[in-house]
Amino acid sequence: MSHLPDPYVQSEFYSYVALKRFGAWVIDVLVITVILLITGIFTVGLAWFFWPVFFVALSFVYRWFTLARQSATWGMRIIAIELRNATGARLNSFEAMMHTFLFMLASGFVLPQTISALMMILGARKQGLHDLFLGTVAINRPQ
């Protein structure tokens, strides 16, 4: 992780990142919900009938593709944070897919999600379990 900003020397990259990640998550959930509501209109209500399945599938695709393109979801872009891999580069498509998969897997269980949240709040690099496993970090977008 020597290619990433040092959390003690360059702390500005990690300032308020845990709070910003939560804000980005809220924005992303709202975006996904709006997309799903619109999808429900075009599927004559089928998407609404199978809401949980469509929500999880749409959430996965949305997060994967937005992370693969800009290393940030729309919510993260609005909040001005982005993900970087262990070399300090933006995520490629495979890393984005794995990050999304592990994030959603941890989100499906209370204990891993709680541990991730605590790690993001208390850790120097503000990494969740999925970040630690992949070597990714969320940082304030460089100006």
N, C-alpha and C. Protein backbone atom coordinates (compact mmCIF):
# COMPACT_ATOMS: atom_id res chain seq x y z
N MET A 1 0.82 -1.19 0.00
CA MET A 1 0.00 0.00 0.00
C MET A 1 0.87 1.26 0.00
N SER A 2 2.12 1.12 -0.40
CA SER A 2 3.01 2.28 -0.38
C SER A 2 2.65 3.31 -1.45
N HIS A 3 1.84 2.95 -2.42
CA HIS A 3 1.46 3.87 -3.48
C HIS A 3 0.23 4.71 -3.11
N LEU A 4 -0.37 4.42 -1.99
CA LEU A 4 -1.55 5.15 -1.53
C LEU A 4 -1.13 6.28 -0.60
N PRO A 5 -1.97 7.33 -0.50
CA PRO A 5 -1.63 8.42 0.43
C PRO A 5 -1.50 7.89 1.86
N ASP A 6 -0.48 8.36 2.55
CA ASP A 6 -0.28 7.97 3.94
C ASP A 6 -1.34 8.64 4.80
N PRO A 7 -2.05 7.86 5.62
CA PRO A 7 -3.14 8.44 6.41
C PRO A 7 -2.67 9.42 7.49
N TYR A 8 -1.40 9.41 7.82
CA TYR A 8 -0.90 10.30 8.86
C TYR A 8 -0.23 11.54 8.26
N VAL A 9 0.51 11.35 7.18
CA VAL A 9 1.21 12.46 6.54
C VAL A 9 0.26 13.24 5.62
N GLN A 10 -0.61 12.50 4.91
CA GLN A 10 -1.56 13.12 3.97
C GLN A 10 -2.99 12.85 4.43
N SER A 11 -3.29 13.25 5.63
CA SER A 11 -4.59 12.94 6.23
C SER A 11 -5.76 13.57 5.50
N GLU A 12 -5.52 14.61 4.70
CA GLU A 12 -6.60 15.26 3.97
C GLU A 12 -7.29 14.31 2.99
N PHE A 13 -6.59 13.27 2.54
CA PHE A 13 -7.20 12.30 1.64
C PHE A 13 -8.24 11.43 2.36
N TYR A 14 -8.16 11.34 3.69
CA TYR A 14 -9.05 10.47 4.45
C TYR A 14 -10.02 11.23 5.36
N SER A 15 -9.98 12.55 5.33
CA SER A 15 -10.86 13.36 6.19
C SER A 15 -12.33 13.14 5.84
N TYR A 16 -13.09 12.75 6.84
CA TYR A 16 -14.54 12.55 6.72
C TYR A 16 -14.94 11.48 5.69
N VAL A 17 -14.02 10.61 5.31
CA VAL A 17 -14.33 9.61 4.29
C VAL A 17 -15.42 8.65 4.75
N ALA A 18 -15.41 8.25 6.01
CA ALA A 18 -16.45 7.32 6.49
C ALA A 18 -17.84 7.96 6.38
N LEU A 19 -17.95 9.19 6.78
CA LEU A 19 -19.23 9.91 6.67
C LEU A 19 -19.61 10.13 5.21
N LYS A 20 -18.65 10.45 4.39
CA LYS A 20 -18.91 10.65 2.96
C LYS A 20 -19.34 9.35 2.29
N ARG A 21 -18.76 8.23 2.71
CA ARG A 21 -19.16 6.94 2.14
C ARG A 21 -20.63 6.65 2.46
N PHE A 22 -21.03 6.99 3.68
CA PHE A 22 -22.43 6.79 4.05
C PHE A 22 -23.33 7.69 3.20
N GLY A 23 -22.95 8.94 3.04
CA GLY A 23 -23.74 9.85 2.20
C GLY A 23 -23.82 9.38 0.77
N ALA A 24 -22.71 8.89 0.23
CA ALA A 24 -22.70 8.36 -1.13
C ALA A 24 -23.61 7.14 -1.24
N TRP A 25 -23.59 6.29 -0.22
CA TRP A 25 -24.44 5.10 -0.22
C TRP A 25 -25.92 5.51 -0.26
N VAL A 26 -26.29 6.51 0.52
CA VAL A 26 -27.69 6.99 0.53
C VAL A 26 -28.07 7.50 -0.85
N ILE A 27 -27.22 8.30 -1.46
CA ILE A 27 -27.50 8.81 -2.80
C ILE A 27 -27.63 7.66 -3.80
N ASP A 28 -26.74 6.68 -3.71
CA ASP A 28 -26.79 5.54 -4.63
C ASP A 28 -28.07 4.73 -4.46
N VAL A 29 -28.50 4.53 -3.23
CA VAL A 29 -29.76 3.80 -2.99
C VAL A 29 -30.92 4.57 -3.61
N LEU A 30 -30.92 5.88 -3.49
CA LEU A 30 -31.98 6.69 -4.09
C LEU A 30 -31.95 6.60 -5.61
N VAL A 31 -30.76 6.67 -6.20
CA VAL A 31 -30.62 6.54 -7.66
C VAL A 31 -31.13 5.18 -8.13
N ILE A 32 -30.72 4.13 -7.45
CA ILE A 32 -31.14 2.77 -7.82
C ILE A 32 -32.65 2.63 -7.68
N THR A 33 -33.22 3.21 -6.63
CA THR A 33 -34.67 3.14 -6.43
C THR A 33 -35.41 3.85 -7.55
N VAL A 34 -34.93 5.02 -7.95
CA VAL A 34 -35.58 5.74 -9.06
C VAL A 34 -35.48 4.94 -10.36
N ILE A 35 -34.31 4.38 -10.62
CA ILE A 35 -34.14 3.56 -11.83
C ILE A 35 -35.09 2.37 -11.79
N LEU A 36 -35.24 1.76 -10.62
CA LEU A 36 -36.14 0.62 -10.48
C LEU A 36 -37.60 1.02 -10.64
N LEU A 37 -37.96 2.18 -10.14
CA LEU A 37 -39.34 2.66 -10.34
C LEU A 37 -39.62 2.87 -11.82
N ILE A 38 -38.67 3.45 -12.53
CA ILE A 38 -38.83 3.65 -13.98
C ILE A 38 -38.86 2.31 -14.70
N THR A 39 -38.01 1.38 -14.27
CA THR A 39 -38.00 0.04 -14.85
C THR A 39 -39.35 -0.64 -14.65
N GLY A 40 -39.96 -0.41 -13.50
CA GLY A 40 -41.28 -0.98 -13.23
C GLY A 40 -42.32 -0.52 -14.23
N ILE A 41 -42.23 0.72 -14.66
CA ILE A 41 -43.18 1.24 -15.65
C ILE A 41 -42.99 0.50 -16.98
N PHE A 42 -41.73 0.33 -17.40
CA PHE A 42 -41.46 -0.32 -18.68
C PHE A 42 -41.69 -1.83 -18.66
N THR A 43 -41.71 -2.43 -17.48
CA THR A 43 -41.98 -3.87 -17.39
C THR A 43 -43.41 -4.13 -16.95
N VAL A 44 -44.24 -3.11 -17.03
CA VAL A 44 -45.67 -3.19 -16.65
C VAL A 44 -45.82 -3.74 -15.23
N GLY A 45 -44.98 -3.26 -14.33
CA GLY A 45 -45.09 -3.62 -12.92
C GLY A 45 -44.35 -4.87 -12.50
N LEU A 46 -43.79 -5.60 -13.45
CA LEU A 46 -43.08 -6.84 -13.10
C LEU A 46 -41.90 -6.56 -12.16
N ALA A 47 -41.16 -5.48 -12.43
CA ALA A 47 -40.02 -5.14 -11.57
C ALA A 47 -40.48 -4.83 -10.15
N TRP A 48 -41.66 -4.26 -10.01
CA TRP A 48 -42.17 -3.95 -8.67
C TRP A 48 -42.59 -5.21 -7.94
N PHE A 49 -43.13 -6.19 -8.68
CA PHE A 49 -43.58 -7.42 -8.07
C PHE A 49 -42.39 -8.22 -7.52
N PHE A 50 -41.29 -8.18 -8.24
CA PHE A 50 -40.08 -8.88 -7.81
C PHE A 50 -39.02 -7.89 -7.32
N TRP A 51 -39.48 -6.87 -6.57
CA TRP A 51 -38.63 -5.76 -6.12
C TRP A 51 -37.29 -6.20 -5.55
N PRO A 52 -37.23 -7.12 -4.56
CA PRO A 52 -35.93 -7.48 -3.98
C PRO A 52 -34.93 -8.04 -5.00
N VAL A 53 -35.42 -8.90 -5.87
CA VAL A 53 -34.53 -9.51 -6.88
C VAL A 53 -34.03 -8.44 -7.84
N PHE A 54 -34.94 -7.63 -8.34
CA PHE A 54 -34.54 -6.57 -9.26
C PHE A 54 -33.64 -5.55 -8.58
N PHE A 55 -33.91 -5.22 -7.33
CA PHE A 55 -33.10 -4.24 -6.61
C PHE A 55 -31.67 -4.73 -6.45
N VAL A 56 -31.50 -5.97 -6.05
CA VAL A 56 -30.15 -6.53 -5.87
C VAL A 56 -29.43 -6.60 -7.21
N ALA A 57 -30.10 -7.08 -8.24
CA ALA A 57 -29.48 -7.20 -9.56
C ALA A 57 -29.11 -5.82 -10.12
N LEU A 58 -30.03 -4.89 -10.05
CA LEU A 58 -29.76 -3.55 -10.55
C LEU A 58 -28.66 -2.86 -9.74
N SER A 59 -28.67 -3.06 -8.43
CA SER A 59 -27.65 -2.49 -7.57
C SER A 59 -26.27 -3.02 -7.95
N PHE A 60 -26.18 -4.32 -8.20
CA PHE A 60 -24.90 -4.92 -8.57
C PHE A 60 -24.39 -4.33 -9.88
N VAL A 61 -25.25 -4.30 -10.89
CA VAL A 61 -24.86 -3.79 -12.20
C VAL A 61 -24.47 -2.31 -12.12
N TYR A 62 -25.30 -1.53 -11.43
CA TYR A 62 -25.04 -0.09 -11.27
C TYR A 62 -23.68 0.14 -10.61
N ARG A 63 -23.44 -0.52 -9.49
CA ARG A 63 -22.19 -0.30 -8.75
C ARG A 63 -20.98 -0.79 -9.56
N TRP A 64 -21.11 -1.95 -10.18
CA TRP A 64 -20.00 -2.51 -10.96
C TRP A 64 -19.62 -1.57 -12.10
N PHE A 65 -20.59 -1.18 -12.89
CA PHE A 65 -20.28 -0.36 -14.06
C PHE A 65 -19.81 1.05 -13.70
N THR A 66 -20.38 1.65 -12.68
CA THR A 66 -19.93 2.99 -12.32
C THR A 66 -18.53 2.95 -11.69
N LEU A 67 -18.25 1.92 -10.91
CA LEU A 67 -16.90 1.79 -10.34
C LEU A 67 -15.88 1.47 -11.42
N ALA A 68 -16.26 0.66 -12.40
CA ALA A 68 -15.33 0.30 -13.48
C ALA A 68 -15.01 1.50 -14.38
N ARG A 69 -15.97 2.39 -14.55
CA ARG A 69 -15.76 3.55 -15.43
C ARG A 69 -14.95 4.66 -14.77
N GLN A 70 -15.34 5.08 -13.59
CA GLN A 70 -14.72 6.24 -12.95
C GLN A 70 -14.14 5.94 -11.56
N SER A 71 -14.18 4.69 -11.15
CA SER A 71 -13.72 4.29 -9.82
C SER A 71 -14.55 4.95 -8.72
N ALA A 72 -15.79 5.32 -9.09
CA ALA A 72 -16.71 5.94 -8.14
C ALA A 72 -18.14 5.79 -8.67
N THR A 73 -19.07 5.54 -7.76
CA THR A 73 -20.48 5.53 -8.15
C THR A 73 -20.94 6.97 -8.30
N TRP A 74 -22.15 7.18 -8.78
CA TRP A 74 -22.66 8.55 -8.92
C TRP A 74 -22.69 9.25 -7.56
N GLY A 75 -23.10 8.51 -6.54
CA GLY A 75 -23.11 9.08 -5.20
C GLY A 75 -21.72 9.49 -4.73
N MET A 76 -20.74 8.66 -5.02
CA MET A 76 -19.37 8.97 -4.64
C MET A 76 -18.86 10.19 -5.40
N ARG A 77 -19.23 10.32 -6.67
CA ARG A 77 -18.81 11.48 -7.45
C ARG A 77 -19.41 12.76 -6.88
N ILE A 78 -20.69 12.70 -6.51
CA ILE A 78 -21.34 13.88 -5.93
C ILE A 78 -20.67 14.28 -4.62
N ILE A 79 -20.31 13.30 -3.81
CA ILE A 79 -19.69 13.54 -2.50
C ILE A 79 -18.18 13.81 -2.62
N ALA A 80 -17.60 13.57 -3.80
CA ALA A 80 -16.18 13.84 -4.08
C ALA A 80 -15.22 12.85 -3.43
N ILE A 81 -15.56 11.56 -3.51
CA ILE A 81 -14.62 10.51 -3.10
C ILE A 81 -14.50 9.50 -4.24
N GLU A 82 -13.44 8.73 -4.22
CA GLU A 82 -13.27 7.68 -5.22
C GLU A 82 -12.47 6.54 -4.62
N LEU A 83 -12.54 5.39 -5.26
CA LEU A 83 -11.82 4.21 -4.80
C LEU A 83 -10.50 4.09 -5.56
N ARG A 84 -9.50 3.61 -4.86
CA ARG A 84 -8.20 3.33 -5.46
C ARG A 84 -7.77 1.93 -5.04
N ASN A 85 -7.04 1.25 -5.92
CA ASN A 85 -6.54 -0.08 -5.58
C ASN A 85 -5.22 0.05 -4.82
N ALA A 86 -4.61 -1.08 -4.51
CA ALA A 86 -3.41 -1.08 -3.67
C ALA A 86 -2.23 -0.34 -4.31
N THR A 87 -2.23 -0.21 -5.64
CA THR A 87 -1.14 0.50 -6.32
C THR A 87 -1.45 1.99 -6.45
N GLY A 88 -2.63 2.42 -6.01
CA GLY A 88 -3.01 3.82 -6.11
C GLY A 88 -3.76 4.16 -7.38
N ALA A 89 -3.98 3.16 -8.23
CA ALA A 89 -4.68 3.37 -9.50
C ALA A 89 -6.19 3.21 -9.32
N ARG A 90 -6.93 3.73 -10.27
CA ARG A 90 -8.37 3.53 -10.26
C ARG A 90 -8.67 2.05 -10.52
N LEU A 91 -9.85 1.62 -10.10
CA LEU A 91 -10.22 0.21 -10.23
C LEU A 91 -10.46 -0.15 -11.69
N ASN A 92 -10.02 -1.35 -12.07
CA ASN A 92 -10.37 -1.86 -13.39
C ASN A 92 -11.69 -2.62 -13.27
N SER A 93 -12.18 -3.17 -14.36
CA SER A 93 -13.49 -3.81 -14.35
C SER A 93 -13.55 -5.01 -13.40
N PHE A 94 -12.50 -5.82 -13.36
CA PHE A 94 -12.51 -6.98 -12.48
C PHE A 94 -12.48 -6.56 -11.01
N GLU A 95 -11.64 -5.58 -10.69
CA GLU A 95 -11.57 -5.08 -9.31
C GLU A 95 -12.91 -4.46 -8.90
N ALA A 96 -13.54 -3.75 -9.83
CA ALA A 96 -14.84 -3.14 -9.56
C ALA A 96 -15.89 -4.21 -9.30
N MET A 97 -15.85 -5.29 -10.09
CA MET A 97 -16.80 -6.38 -9.90
C MET A 97 -16.58 -7.06 -8.55
N MET A 98 -15.33 -7.33 -8.21
CA MET A 98 -15.03 -7.99 -6.94
C MET A 98 -15.39 -7.09 -5.76
N HIS A 99 -15.11 -5.80 -5.88
CA HIS A 99 -15.46 -4.86 -4.81
C HIS A 99 -16.97 -4.85 -4.60
N THR A 100 -17.71 -4.79 -5.70
CA THR A 100 -19.17 -4.78 -5.63
C THR A 100 -19.69 -6.08 -5.02
N PHE A 101 -19.15 -7.21 -5.46
CA PHE A 101 -19.59 -8.50 -4.94
C PHE A 101 -19.34 -8.61 -3.44
N LEU A 102 -18.13 -8.29 -3.01
CA LEU A 102 -17.80 -8.40 -1.59
C LEU A 102 -18.57 -7.38 -0.74
N PHE A 103 -18.77 -6.17 -1.28
CA PHE A 103 -19.56 -5.17 -0.58
C PHE A 103 -20.99 -5.67 -0.37
N MET A 104 -21.59 -6.21 -1.42
CA MET A 104 -22.97 -6.68 -1.32
C MET A 104 -23.07 -7.93 -0.44
N LEU A 105 -22.07 -8.78 -0.50
CA LEU A 105 -22.05 -9.97 0.37
C LEU A 105 -21.99 -9.55 1.83
N ALA A 106 -21.10 -8.64 2.17
CA ALA A 106 -20.99 -8.16 3.55
C ALA A 106 -22.26 -7.43 3.97
N SER A 107 -22.87 -6.70 3.03
CA SER A 107 -24.10 -5.95 3.35
C SER A 107 -25.27 -6.87 3.66
N GLY A 108 -25.19 -8.10 3.22
CA GLY A 108 -26.28 -9.04 3.44
C GLY A 108 -26.29 -9.67 4.83
N PHE A 109 -25.27 -9.41 5.62
CA PHE A 109 -25.15 -10.01 6.94
C PHE A 109 -24.83 -8.93 7.97
N VAL A 110 -25.45 -9.01 9.12
CA VAL A 110 -25.31 -7.97 10.14
C VAL A 110 -23.88 -7.88 10.68
N LEU A 111 -23.29 -8.98 11.05
CA LEU A 111 -21.97 -8.95 11.68
C LEU A 111 -20.89 -8.39 10.75
N PRO A 112 -20.75 -8.92 9.52
CA PRO A 112 -19.73 -8.33 8.64
C PRO A 112 -19.98 -6.85 8.32
N GLN A 113 -21.24 -6.47 8.18
CA GLN A 113 -21.54 -5.07 7.90
C GLN A 113 -21.20 -4.18 9.09
N THR A 114 -21.47 -4.66 10.28
CA THR A 114 -21.15 -3.90 11.49
C THR A 114 -19.63 -3.76 11.64
N ILE A 115 -18.92 -4.85 11.42
CA ILE A 115 -17.45 -4.81 11.49
C ILE A 115 -16.90 -3.85 10.44
N SER A 116 -17.43 -3.92 9.22
CA SER A 116 -16.99 -3.01 8.15
C SER A 116 -17.21 -1.56 8.53
N ALA A 117 -18.39 -1.27 9.05
CA ALA A 117 -18.71 0.11 9.44
C ALA A 117 -17.75 0.60 10.53
N LEU A 118 -17.49 -0.23 11.52
CA LEU A 118 -16.56 0.15 12.59
C LEU A 118 -15.14 0.35 12.06
N MET A 119 -14.73 -0.51 11.13
CA MET A 119 -13.41 -0.36 10.53
C MET A 119 -13.30 0.94 9.75
N MET A 120 -14.38 1.31 9.05
CA MET A 120 -14.38 2.56 8.28
C MET A 120 -14.31 3.77 9.21
N ILE A 121 -14.97 3.68 10.34
CA ILE A 121 -14.99 4.80 11.29
C ILE A 121 -13.67 4.90 12.05
N LEU A 122 -13.12 3.77 12.48
CA LEU A 122 -11.97 3.78 13.37
C LEU A 122 -10.61 3.60 12.68
N GLY A 123 -10.59 3.00 11.50
CA GLY A 123 -9.32 2.70 10.84
C GLY A 123 -8.64 3.93 10.25
N ALA A 124 -7.34 3.89 10.17
CA ALA A 124 -6.57 5.01 9.63
C ALA A 124 -6.89 5.26 8.16
N ARG A 125 -7.04 4.19 7.39
CA ARG A 125 -7.34 4.32 5.97
C ARG A 125 -8.84 4.24 5.66
N LYS A 126 -9.66 4.10 6.68
CA LYS A 126 -11.13 4.09 6.52
C LYS A 126 -11.60 2.95 5.62
N GLN A 127 -10.97 1.79 5.72
CA GLN A 127 -11.31 0.63 4.91
C GLN A 127 -12.33 -0.25 5.61
N GLY A 128 -13.28 -0.78 4.83
CA GLY A 128 -14.18 -1.80 5.32
C GLY A 128 -13.56 -3.17 5.11
N LEU A 129 -14.25 -4.22 5.51
CA LEU A 129 -13.73 -5.58 5.31
C LEU A 129 -13.43 -5.87 3.85
N HIS A 130 -14.36 -5.50 2.98
CA HIS A 130 -14.17 -5.77 1.55
C HIS A 130 -12.98 -4.98 1.01
N ASP A 131 -12.77 -3.77 1.50
CA ASP A 131 -11.62 -2.97 1.09
C ASP A 131 -10.32 -3.62 1.56
N LEU A 132 -10.31 -4.04 2.80
CA LEU A 132 -9.11 -4.66 3.36
C LEU A 132 -8.75 -5.92 2.59
N PHE A 133 -9.74 -6.72 2.25
CA PHE A 133 -9.51 -7.96 1.51
C PHE A 133 -8.93 -7.68 0.13
N LEU A 134 -9.44 -6.64 -0.54
CA LEU A 134 -9.00 -6.32 -1.91
C LEU A 134 -7.82 -5.35 -1.96
N GLY A 135 -7.53 -4.70 -0.84
CA GLY A 135 -6.47 -3.70 -0.82
C GLY A 135 -6.91 -2.35 -1.40
N THR A 136 -8.22 -2.10 -1.40
CA THR A 136 -8.74 -0.84 -1.93
C THR A 136 -8.97 0.15 -0.80
N VAL A 137 -9.00 1.43 -1.16
CA VAL A 137 -9.32 2.48 -0.20
C VAL A 137 -10.20 3.50 -0.88
N ALA A 138 -11.04 4.15 -0.08
CA ALA A 138 -11.80 5.30 -0.56
C ALA A 138 -11.07 6.53 -0.08
N ILE A 139 -10.81 7.45 -0.99
CA ILE A 139 -10.12 8.69 -0.62
C ILE A 139 -10.90 9.88 -1.14
N ASN A 140 -10.65 11.03 -0.56
CA ASN A 140 -11.19 12.26 -1.10
C ASN A 140 -10.58 12.47 -2.47
N ARG A 141 -11.40 12.80 -3.43
CA ARG A 141 -10.93 12.96 -4.80
C ARG A 141 -9.85 14.04 -4.87
N PRO A 142 -8.68 13.68 -5.44
CA PRO A 142 -7.61 14.68 -5.57
C PRO A 142 -8.08 15.85 -6.43
N GLN A 143 -7.70 17.05 -6.06
CA GLN A 143 -8.12 18.25 -6.82
C GLN A 143 -7.25 18.49 -8.02
